[in-house]
Amino acid sequence: MQMSIREAKSRFTEAAAAAARGERVVVTKHGRPFVELVPVRALGGMDFEAGLAISRELGLAEAGIEIPPHFDDAAFSREVLGLDEPA
């Protein structure tokens, strides 16, 4: 689907629904492609099991490096960076 900015303003709901369905929606400005609407991809956390399997496969597990289970927790990041006092 391709539409001008003016058309996109008046038909935004329709354009957004088309993008969410996976349809390519290009908005043009003066007849040239300007922006493209795309659906938001769901963000996921880290797959620690897969990471551990890969580290074993590469022989990194013997290096003694361990990733704590709360590694992706914002509080842990602040602790590592020294922004908060450890609890």
PDB file of N, CA and C in Angstrom:
ATOM      1  N   MET A   1       0.854  -1.156   0.000  1.00  0.00           N
ATOM      2  CA  MET A   1       0.000   0.000   0.000  1.00  0.00           C
ATOM      3  C   MET A   1       0.905   1.226   0.000  1.00  0.00           C
ATOM      4  N   GLN A   2       0.576   2.188  -0.823  1.00  0.00           N
ATOM      5  CA  GLN A   2       1.324   3.431  -0.895  1.00  0.00           C
ATOM      6  C   GLN A   2       0.335   4.586  -0.820  1.00  0.00           C
ATOM      7  N   MET A   3       0.674   5.600  -0.043  1.00  0.00           N
ATOM      8  CA  MET A   3      -0.227   6.740   0.100  1.00  0.00           C
ATOM      9  C   MET A   3       0.558   7.993   0.429  1.00  0.00           C
ATOM     10  N   SER A   4      -0.017   9.131   0.124  1.00  0.00           N
ATOM     11  CA  SER A   4       0.621  10.408   0.437  1.00  0.00           C
ATOM     12  C   SER A   4       0.461  10.693   1.928  1.00  0.00           C
ATOM     13  N   ILE A   5       1.218  11.664   2.406  1.00  0.00           N
ATOM     14  CA  ILE A   5       1.109  12.051   3.815  1.00  0.00           C
ATOM     15  C   ILE A   5      -0.314  12.495   4.134  1.00  0.00           C
ATOM     16  N   ARG A   6      -0.905  13.285   3.268  1.00  0.00           N
ATOM     17  CA  ARG A   6      -2.269  13.773   3.494  1.00  0.00           C
ATOM     18  C   ARG A   6      -3.236  12.589   3.593  1.00  0.00           C
ATOM     19  N   GLU A   7      -3.094  11.639   2.687  1.00  0.00           N
ATOM     20  CA  GLU A   7      -3.964  10.462   2.701  1.00  0.00           C
ATOM     21  C   GLU A   7      -3.710   9.631   3.955  1.00  0.00           C
ATOM     22  N   ALA A   8      -2.436   9.516   4.356  1.00  0.00           N
ATOM     23  CA  ALA A   8      -2.093   8.740   5.549  1.00  0.00           C
ATOM     24  C   ALA A   8      -2.713   9.362   6.800  1.00  0.00           C
ATOM     25  N   LYS A   9      -2.785  10.690   6.852  1.00  0.00           N
ATOM     26  CA  LYS A   9      -3.419  11.359   7.990  1.00  0.00           C
ATOM     27  C   LYS A   9      -4.898  10.988   8.086  1.00  0.00           C
ATOM     28  N   SER A  10      -5.563  10.997   6.937  1.00  0.00           N
ATOM     29  CA  SER A  10      -7.007  10.738   6.973  1.00  0.00           C
ATOM     30  C   SER A  10      -7.332   9.259   7.080  1.00  0.00           C
ATOM     31  N   ARG A  11      -6.402   8.385   6.697  1.00  0.00           N
ATOM     32  CA  ARG A  11      -6.660   6.940   6.728  1.00  0.00           C
ATOM     33  C   ARG A  11      -5.660   6.212   7.622  1.00  0.00           C
ATOM     34  N   PHE A  12      -5.217   6.875   8.688  1.00  0.00           N
ATOM     35  CA  PHE A  12      -4.168   6.308   9.525  1.00  0.00           C
ATOM     36  C   PHE A  12      -4.546   4.954  10.120  1.00  0.00           C
ATOM     37  N   THR A  13      -5.761   4.834  10.620  1.00  0.00           N
ATOM     38  CA  THR A  13      -6.182   3.573  11.237  1.00  0.00           C
ATOM     39  C   THR A  13      -6.096   2.433  10.237  1.00  0.00           C
ATOM     40  N   GLU A  14      -6.546   2.678   9.034  1.00  0.00           N
ATOM     41  CA  GLU A  14      -6.497   1.656   7.982  1.00  0.00           C
ATOM     42  C   GLU A  14      -5.046   1.308   7.630  1.00  0.00           C
ATOM     43  N   ALA A  15      -4.193   2.322   7.517  1.00  0.00           N
ATOM     44  CA  ALA A  15      -2.784   2.082   7.190  1.00  0.00           C
ATOM     45  C   ALA A  15      -2.085   1.313   8.306  1.00  0.00           C
ATOM     46  N   ALA A  16      -2.357   1.682   9.549  1.00  0.00           N
ATOM     47  CA  ALA A  16      -1.734   0.996  10.683  1.00  0.00           C
ATOM     48  C   ALA A  16      -2.189  -0.460  10.753  1.00  0.00           C
ATOM     49  N   ALA A  17      -3.461  -0.708  10.487  1.00  0.00           N
ATOM     50  CA  ALA A  17      -3.970  -2.083  10.495  1.00  0.00           C
ATOM     51  C   ALA A  17      -3.319  -2.904   9.392  1.00  0.00           C
ATOM     52  N   ALA A  18      -3.132  -2.301   8.232  1.00  0.00           N
ATOM     53  CA  ALA A  18      -2.480  -3.009   7.123  1.00  0.00           C
ATOM     54  C   ALA A  18      -1.043  -3.357   7.493  1.00  0.00           C
ATOM     55  N   ALA A  19      -0.319  -2.413   8.107  1.00  0.00           N
ATOM     56  CA  ALA A  19       1.062  -2.677   8.527  1.00  0.00           C
ATOM     57  C   ALA A  19       1.103  -3.781   9.575  1.00  0.00           C
ATOM     58  N   ALA A  20       0.158  -3.763  10.504  1.00  0.00           N
ATOM     59  CA  ALA A  20       0.113  -4.788  11.549  1.00  0.00           C
ATOM     60  C   ALA A  20      -0.131  -6.173  10.959  1.00  0.00           C
ATOM     61  N   ARG A  21      -0.842  -6.240   9.845  1.00  0.00           N
ATOM     62  CA  ARG A  21      -1.085  -7.528   9.167  1.00  0.00           C
ATOM     63  C   ARG A  21       0.127  -7.984   8.371  1.00  0.00           C
ATOM     64  N   GLY A  22       1.145  -7.135   8.286  1.00  0.00           N
ATOM     65  CA  GLY A  22       2.347  -7.504   7.552  1.00  0.00           C
ATOM     66  C   GLY A  22       2.436  -6.890   6.166  1.00  0.00           C
ATOM     67  N   GLU A  23       1.447  -6.092   5.798  1.00  0.00           N
ATOM     68  CA  GLU A  23       1.458  -5.447   4.491  1.00  0.00           C
ATOM     69  C   GLU A  23       2.449  -4.281   4.518  1.00  0.00           C
ATOM     70  N   ARG A  24       3.139  -4.075   3.415  1.00  0.00           N
ATOM     71  CA  ARG A  24       4.087  -2.964   3.326  1.00  0.00           C
ATOM     72  C   ARG A  24       3.292  -1.680   3.093  1.00  0.00           C
ATOM     73  N   VAL A  25       3.489  -0.696   3.967  1.00  0.00           N
ATOM     74  CA  VAL A  25       2.782   0.580   3.859  1.00  0.00           C
ATOM     75  C   VAL A  25       3.827   1.689   3.722  1.00  0.00           C
ATOM     76  N   VAL A  26       3.868   2.301   2.548  1.00  0.00           N
ATOM     77  CA  VAL A  26       4.830   3.365   2.270  1.00  0.00           C
ATOM     78  C   VAL A  26       4.080   4.683   2.172  1.00  0.00           C
ATOM     79  N   VAL A  27       4.536   5.670   2.933  1.00  0.00           N
ATOM     80  CA  VAL A  27       3.954   7.006   2.890  1.00  0.00           C
ATOM     81  C   VAL A  27       4.888   7.871   2.051  1.00  0.00           C
ATOM     82  N   THR A  28       4.320   8.581   1.088  1.00  0.00           N
ATOM     83  CA  THR A  28       5.130   9.388   0.185  1.00  0.00           C
ATOM     84  C   THR A  28       4.995  10.872   0.493  1.00  0.00           C
ATOM     85  N   LYS A  29       6.016  11.599   0.109  1.00  0.00           N
ATOM     86  CA  LYS A  29       6.021  13.055   0.229  1.00  0.00           C
ATOM     87  C   LYS A  29       6.464  13.598  -1.128  1.00  0.00           C
ATOM     88  N   HIS A  30       5.604  14.360  -1.757  1.00  0.00           N
ATOM     89  CA  HIS A  30       5.846  14.881  -3.096  1.00  0.00           C
ATOM     90  C   HIS A  30       6.122  13.747  -4.086  1.00  0.00           C
ATOM     91  N   GLY A  31       5.415  12.632  -3.902  1.00  0.00           N
ATOM     92  CA  GLY A  31       5.524  11.502  -4.820  1.00  0.00           C
ATOM     93  C   GLY A  31       6.697  10.576  -4.590  1.00  0.00           C
ATOM     94  N   ARG A  32       7.520  10.861  -3.596  1.00  0.00           N
ATOM     95  CA  ARG A  32       8.688  10.005  -3.312  1.00  0.00           C
ATOM     96  C   ARG A  32       8.507   9.322  -1.966  1.00  0.00           C
ATOM     97  N   PRO A  33       8.973   8.082  -1.836  1.00  0.00           N
ATOM     98  CA  PRO A  33       8.858   7.390  -0.545  1.00  0.00           C
ATOM     99  C   PRO A  33       9.503   8.220   0.561  1.00  0.00           C
ATOM    100  N   PHE A  34       8.770   8.350   1.664  1.00  0.00           N
ATOM    101  CA  PHE A  34       9.217   9.185   2.775  1.00  0.00           C
ATOM    102  C   PHE A  34       9.410   8.355   4.039  1.00  0.00           C
ATOM    103  N   VAL A  35       8.389   7.617   4.429  1.00  0.00           N
ATOM    104  CA  VAL A  35       8.475   6.719   5.586  1.00  0.00           C
ATOM    105  C   VAL A  35       7.718   5.437   5.271  1.00  0.00           C
ATOM    106  N   GLU A  36       7.999   4.424   6.064  1.00  0.00           N
ATOM    107  CA  GLU A  36       7.306   3.150   5.933  1.00  0.00           C
ATOM    108  C   GLU A  36       6.763   2.748   7.294  1.00  0.00           C
ATOM    109  N   LEU A  37       5.520   2.329   7.337  1.00  0.00           N
ATOM    110  CA  LEU A  37       4.923   1.852   8.585  1.00  0.00           C
ATOM    111  C   LEU A  37       5.233   0.372   8.725  1.00  0.00           C
ATOM    112  N   VAL A  38       5.709  -0.006   9.879  1.00  0.00           N
ATOM    113  CA  VAL A  38       6.012  -1.411  10.151  1.00  0.00           C
ATOM    114  C   VAL A  38       5.449  -1.775  11.519  1.00  0.00           C
ATOM    115  N   PRO A  39       5.065  -3.034  11.713  1.00  0.00           N
ATOM    116  CA  PRO A  39       4.559  -3.442  13.027  1.00  0.00           C
ATOM    117  C   PRO A  39       5.703  -3.529  14.042  1.00  0.00           C
ATOM    118  N   VAL A  40       5.367  -3.360  15.296  1.00  0.00           N
ATOM    119  CA  VAL A  40       6.344  -3.477  16.369  1.00  0.00           C
ATOM    120  C   VAL A  40       6.610  -4.962  16.607  1.00  0.00           C
ATOM    121  N   ARG A  41       7.878  -5.284  16.691  1.00  0.00           N
ATOM    122  CA  ARG A  41       8.241  -6.668  17.007  1.00  0.00           C
ATOM    123  C   ARG A  41       8.314  -6.821  18.518  1.00  0.00           C
ATOM    124  N   ALA A  42       7.794  -7.908  19.004  1.00  0.00           N
ATOM    125  CA  ALA A  42       7.848  -8.163  20.447  1.00  0.00           C
ATOM    126  C   ALA A  42       9.299  -8.405  20.862  1.00  0.00           C
ATOM    127  N   LEU A  43       9.706  -7.730  21.905  1.00  0.00           N
ATOM    128  CA  LEU A  43      11.052  -7.918  22.416  1.00  0.00           C
ATOM    129  C   LEU A  43      11.041  -9.029  23.450  1.00  0.00           C
ATOM    130  N   GLY A  44      12.039  -9.844  23.402  1.00  0.00           N
ATOM    131  CA  GLY A  44      12.131 -10.940  24.354  1.00  0.00           C
ATOM    132  C   GLY A  44      13.381 -10.806  25.199  1.00  0.00           C
ATOM    133  N   GLY A  45      13.423 -11.527  26.259  1.00  0.00           N
ATOM    134  CA  GLY A  45      14.602 -11.521  27.116  1.00  0.00           C
ATOM    135  C   GLY A  45      15.667 -12.447  26.566  1.00  0.00           C
ATOM    136  N   MET A  46      16.719 -12.571  27.294  1.00  0.00           N
ATOM    137  CA  MET A  46      17.810 -13.451  26.879  1.00  0.00           C
ATOM    138  C   MET A  46      17.429 -14.900  27.139  1.00  0.00           C
ATOM    139  N   ASP A  47      17.855 -15.768  26.243  1.00  0.00           N
ATOM    140  CA  ASP A  47      17.651 -17.201  26.410  1.00  0.00           C
ATOM    141  C   ASP A  47      18.938 -17.761  27.022  1.00  0.00           C
ATOM    142  N   PHE A  48      18.979 -17.795  28.356  1.00  0.00           N
ATOM    143  CA  PHE A  48      20.192 -18.213  29.042  1.00  0.00           C
ATOM    144  C   PHE A  48      20.539 -19.669  28.775  1.00  0.00           C
ATOM    145  N   GLU A  49      19.534 -20.518  28.608  1.00  0.00           N
ATOM    146  CA  GLU A  49      19.797 -21.931  28.323  1.00  0.00           C
ATOM    147  C   GLU A  49      20.515 -22.085  26.987  1.00  0.00           C
ATOM    148  N   ALA A  50      20.048 -21.339  25.978  1.00  0.00           N
ATOM    149  CA  ALA A  50      20.699 -21.403  24.661  1.00  0.00           C
ATOM    150  C   ALA A  50      22.112 -20.843  24.744  1.00  0.00           C
ATOM    151  N   GLY A  51      22.285 -19.758  25.503  1.00  0.00           N
ATOM    152  CA  GLY A  51      23.616 -19.178  25.665  1.00  0.00           C
ATOM    153  C   GLY A  51      24.579 -20.138  26.347  1.00  0.00           C
ATOM    154  N   LEU A  52      24.092 -20.832  27.351  1.00  0.00           N
ATOM    155  CA  LEU A  52      24.916 -21.818  28.047  1.00  0.00           C
ATOM    156  C   LEU A  52      25.292 -22.965  27.122  1.00  0.00           C
ATOM    157  N   ALA A  53      24.338 -23.423  26.318  1.00  0.00           N
ATOM    158  CA  ALA A  53      24.614 -24.503  25.365  1.00  0.00           C
ATOM    159  C   ALA A  53      25.674 -24.074  24.356  1.00  0.00           C
ATOM    160  N   ILE A  54      25.597 -22.858  23.867  1.00  0.00           N
ATOM    161  CA  ILE A  54      26.582 -22.361  22.897  1.00  0.00           C
ATOM    162  C   ILE A  54      27.942 -22.207  23.555  1.00  0.00           C
ATOM    163  N   SER A  55      27.972 -21.699  24.796  1.00  0.00           N
ATOM    164  CA  SER A  55      29.261 -21.535  25.472  1.00  0.00           C
ATOM    165  C   SER A  55      29.927 -22.885  25.720  1.00  0.00           C
ATOM    166  N   ARG A  56      29.130 -23.899  26.016  1.00  0.00           N
ATOM    167  CA  ARG A  56      29.694 -25.255  26.162  1.00  0.00           C
ATOM    168  C   ARG A  56      30.228 -25.761  24.831  1.00  0.00           C
ATOM    169  N   GLU A  57      29.457 -25.512  23.773  1.00  0.00           N
ATOM    170  CA  GLU A  57      29.843 -25.950  22.428  1.00  0.00           C
ATOM    171  C   GLU A  57      31.163 -25.308  22.005  1.00  0.00           C
ATOM    172  N   LEU A  58      31.372 -24.046  22.366  1.00  0.00           N
ATOM    173  CA  LEU A  58      32.586 -23.327  21.994  1.00  0.00           C
ATOM    174  C   LEU A  58      33.722 -23.529  22.997  1.00  0.00           C
ATOM    175  N   GLY A  59      33.450 -24.255  24.062  1.00  0.00           N
ATOM    176  CA  GLY A  59      34.472 -24.502  25.060  1.00  0.00           C
ATOM    177  C   GLY A  59      34.670 -23.357  26.036  1.00  0.00           C
ATOM    178  N   LEU A  60      33.713 -22.443  26.102  1.00  0.00           N
ATOM    179  CA  LEU A  60      33.838 -21.303  26.998  1.00  0.00           C
ATOM    180  C   LEU A  60      33.375 -21.619  28.410  1.00  0.00           C
ATOM    181  N   ALA A  61      32.638 -22.703  28.578  1.00  0.00           N
ATOM    182  CA  ALA A  61      32.129 -23.058  29.894  1.00  0.00           C
ATOM    183  C   ALA A  61      33.280 -23.363  30.847  1.00  0.00           C
ATOM    184  N   GLU A  62      34.400 -23.870  30.303  1.00  0.00           N
ATOM    185  CA  GLU A  62      35.552 -24.197  31.144  1.00  0.00           C
ATOM    186  C   GLU A  62      36.310 -22.960  31.580  1.00  0.00           C
ATOM    187  N   ALA A  63      36.017 -21.798  30.997  1.00  0.00           N
ATOM    188  CA  ALA A  63      36.733 -20.568  31.335  1.00  0.00           C
ATOM    189  C   ALA A  63      36.329 -20.037  32.709  1.00  0.00           C
ATOM    190  N   GLY A  64      35.268 -20.588  33.283  1.00  0.00           N
ATOM    191  CA  GLY A  64      34.849 -20.191  34.618  1.00  0.00           C
ATOM    192  C   GLY A  64      34.004 -18.927  34.647  1.00  0.00           C
ATOM    193  N   ILE A  65      33.515 -18.512  33.509  1.00  0.00           N
ATOM    194  CA  ILE A  65      32.667 -17.327  33.457  1.00  0.00           C
ATOM    195  C   ILE A  65      31.226 -17.763  33.633  1.00  0.00           C
ATOM    196  N   GLU A  66      30.558 -17.166  34.608  1.00  0.00           N
ATOM    197  CA  GLU A  66      29.161 -17.502  34.856  1.00  0.00           C
ATOM    198  C   GLU A  66      28.314 -16.249  34.722  1.00  0.00           C
ATOM    199  N   ILE A  67      27.144 -16.402  34.131  1.00  0.00           N
ATOM    200  CA  ILE A  67      26.192 -15.300  34.015  1.00  0.00           C
ATOM    201  C   ILE A  67      25.142 -15.513  35.091  1.00  0.00           C
ATOM    202  N   PRO A  68      25.025 -14.563  36.021  1.00  0.00           N
ATOM    203  CA  PRO A  68      24.040 -14.740  37.085  1.00  0.00           C
ATOM    204  C   PRO A  68      22.618 -14.717  36.522  1.00  0.00           C
ATOM    205  N   PRO A  69      21.688 -15.408  37.148  1.00  0.00           N
ATOM    206  CA  PRO A  69      20.319 -15.476  36.631  1.00  0.00           C
ATOM    207  C   PRO A  69      19.609 -14.133  36.580  1.00  0.00           C
ATOM    208  N   HIS A  70      20.021 -13.185  37.401  1.00  0.00           N
ATOM    209  CA  HIS A  70      19.379 -11.874  37.399  1.00  0.00           C
ATOM    210  C   HIS A  70      20.165 -10.860  36.557  1.00  0.00           C
ATOM    211  N   PHE A  71      20.951 -11.348  35.590  1.00  0.00           N
ATOM    212  CA  PHE A  71      21.801 -10.520  34.741  1.00  0.00           C
ATOM    213  C   PHE A  71      21.027  -9.440  33.992  1.00  0.00           C
ATOM    214  N   ASP A  72      19.831  -9.760  33.489  1.00  0.00           N
ATOM    215  CA  ASP A  72      19.068  -8.783  32.697  1.00  0.00           C
ATOM    216  C   ASP A  72      18.132  -7.929  33.552  1.00  0.00           C
ATOM    217  N   ASP A  73      18.276  -7.986  34.849  1.00  0.00           N
ATOM    218  CA  ASP A  73      17.480  -7.155  35.758  1.00  0.00           C
ATOM    219  C   ASP A  73      18.125  -5.774  35.862  1.00  0.00           C
ATOM    220  N   ALA A  74      17.324  -4.727  35.730  1.00  0.00           N
ATOM    221  CA  ALA A  74      17.851  -3.356  35.766  1.00  0.00           C
ATOM    222  C   ALA A  74      18.577  -3.055  37.079  1.00  0.00           C
ATOM    223  N   ALA A  75      18.095  -3.599  38.178  1.00  0.00           N
ATOM    224  CA  ALA A  75      18.736  -3.366  39.471  1.00  0.00           C
ATOM    225  C   ALA A  75      20.149  -3.951  39.487  1.00  0.00           C
ATOM    226  N   PHE A  76      20.331  -5.115  38.856  1.00  0.00           N
ATOM    227  CA  PHE A  76      21.658  -5.736  38.786  1.00  0.00           C
ATOM    228  C   PHE A  76      22.599  -4.861  37.960  1.00  0.00           C
ATOM    229  N   SER A  77      22.101  -4.321  36.846  1.00  0.00           N
ATOM    230  CA  SER A  77      22.925  -3.454  36.005  1.00  0.00           C
ATOM    231  C   SER A  77      23.392  -2.235  36.794  1.00  0.00           C
ATOM    232  N   ARG A  78      22.499  -1.641  37.562  1.00  0.00           N
ATOM    233  CA  ARG A  78      22.857  -0.481  38.371  1.00  0.00           C
ATOM    234  C   ARG A  78      23.907  -0.866  39.416  1.00  0.00           C
ATOM    235  N   GLU A  79      23.781  -2.054  39.967  1.00  0.00           N
ATOM    236  CA  GLU A  79      24.738  -2.519  40.978  1.00  0.00           C
ATOM    237  C   GLU A  79      26.114  -2.694  40.348  1.00  0.00           C
ATOM    238  N   VAL A  80      26.182  -3.322  39.174  1.00  0.00           N
ATOM    239  CA  VAL A  80      27.453  -3.570  38.506  1.00  0.00           C
ATOM    240  C   VAL A  80      28.133  -2.259  38.128  1.00  0.00           C
ATOM    241  N   LEU A  81      27.349  -1.278  37.702  1.00  0.00           N
ATOM    242  CA  LEU A  81      27.894   0.018  37.310  1.00  0.00           C
ATOM    243  C   LEU A  81      28.230   0.907  38.511  1.00  0.00           C
ATOM    244  N   GLY A  82      27.896   0.444  39.708  1.00  0.00           N
ATOM    245  CA  GLY A  82      28.201   1.200  40.913  1.00  0.00           C
ATOM    246  C   GLY A  82      27.250   2.359  41.143  1.00  0.00           C
ATOM    247  N   LEU A  83      26.078   2.303  40.544  1.00  0.00           N
ATOM    248  CA  LEU A  83      25.117   3.381  40.706  1.00  0.00           C
ATOM    249  C   LEU A  83      24.283   3.238  41.976  1.00  0.00           C
ATOM    250  N   ASP A  84      24.215   2.053  42.508  1.00  0.00           N
ATOM    251  CA  ASP A  84      23.491   1.797  43.746  1.00  0.00           C
ATOM    252  C   ASP A  84      24.394   1.026  44.686  1.00  0.00           C
ATOM    253  N   GLU A  85      24.155   1.214  45.934  1.00  0.00           N
ATOM    254  CA  GLU A  85      24.848   0.414  46.930  1.00  0.00           C
ATOM    255  C   GLU A  85      24.275  -0.985  46.921  1.00  0.00           C
ATOM    256  N   PRO A  86      25.096  -2.036  47.007  1.00  0.00           N
ATOM    257  CA  PRO A  86      24.554  -3.403  47.041  1.00  0.00           C
ATOM    258  C   PRO A  86      23.640  -3.594  48.244  1.00  0.00           C
ATOM    259  N   ALA A  87      22.605  -4.376  48.063  1.00  0.00           N
ATOM    260  CA  ALA A  87      21.632  -4.609  49.137  1.00  0.00           C
ATOM    261  C   ALA A  87      22.153  -5.563  50.157  1.00  0.00           C
TER     262      ALA A  87
END
